[in-house]
Amino acid sequence: MLPSFRAPILVAATLTAACFPSQTAPPGLPAPSPDAATLRTADGRIAIHALRLGWVGVKGPHRELDAPAAIAIPAIFLGRSWTPWMPIFAYAIEHPDGTILVDTGADAAFGEKPYWACNRRMSLFYRKNLRFSVPRGDDLDTRLAAVGLSADRVRQVVVTHFHADHVAGLHRFVDRPVITGAGNWPQHRGSFTCRLPEDFRPDTVPAAAFDTTLDGGRPLTADGRVRVVTVPGHTPGHVGVVIEDGARRILIAGDATFDLEQSARVGITGVATDRRAARSTQRTLTALDSAGVLVLPAHDASVIARMRAYR
């Protein structure tokens, strides 16, 4: 969820940051709620676990902005309203071929200035315009253990995109296959990759059409029931993961939308890199949801309830 800066926009953003110091953070975190959910496919062979790995709050124009992309960065810096805290979900998929992790969440160190020091340009945007909270117990190891998994059992990782709240734990898995969309690497607007090893090279899948058929994509399992697919608009190479469940399908959608209510009104985030594609994706997500596909974004507070109601 973040843009990088072209020179004129960076100057404007820096000036606005100087004039408007960091505004108040979002109000207190929600009351304790379920922090994970698990569902199994009808045949019981695949389990999908939603793992909450912290919380994020963003400025109003970041979450949704109906305006030309060129004014997005100044609008976000000048924004004074905050969204409520939104969960950060990663997903673990248990399959007979092995465990697949989709994104790796946030890090408790996000609140410390040194975390961002390796990319000073991105540091300005993250520290001024986002707030993160990773309470004790919201770490990846704890969440995996709660569903009977561990990091050493992860066979491969899918990165929907390289914004910081999706890749904080990725350095732990660089010895295993990492897959993302071609446009996501080596960088895209808002990517935060400087904490990864210099020789890190993910495998990339080419962009493809995204429509209600949910066909195509790169199989991640021998039976083809788990696939990486293009879900465009948020970043140039943004991807999701489709899980086949008999006649039904489940789509892990990353940041293609903040939640399904946003998709229903075709309200796109202020940091979408391709606003036309983002609008098309929102309409497709709404159509998929209406057709019975379980759509699981990364920041939708209704994810756990919808997973529990899936059957």
Foldseek 3Di string as FASTA:
>chain_A
DFFFDDVVLLVLLVVLCVVDPAADDADDADDDDDQKAWDAFPVRQKIKMKGFQWKKKFFPQQQFDDDDLVCLSNCRSNGHDIDHIFTFIKMWMQHPVFIEIEFAFADQCLVPLVVQVLPVRLSSCPVRTMDIHGDPQSHPQNRQVVVPHGPVRHQEYEYLAQARRRHVPVQVPLVHAYEFAPQRPPHWTRGDCSVHDPPRDHHHDYADDDALVPDDAAQPDPVSQKGKHALAFQIHTGIWIWGDRDVEIEIEREPLHLELVCLVVLGHGSRTPHSVSSSVSSVRVNVNVVVLYHYHYRGYPCNNVCSVVSD
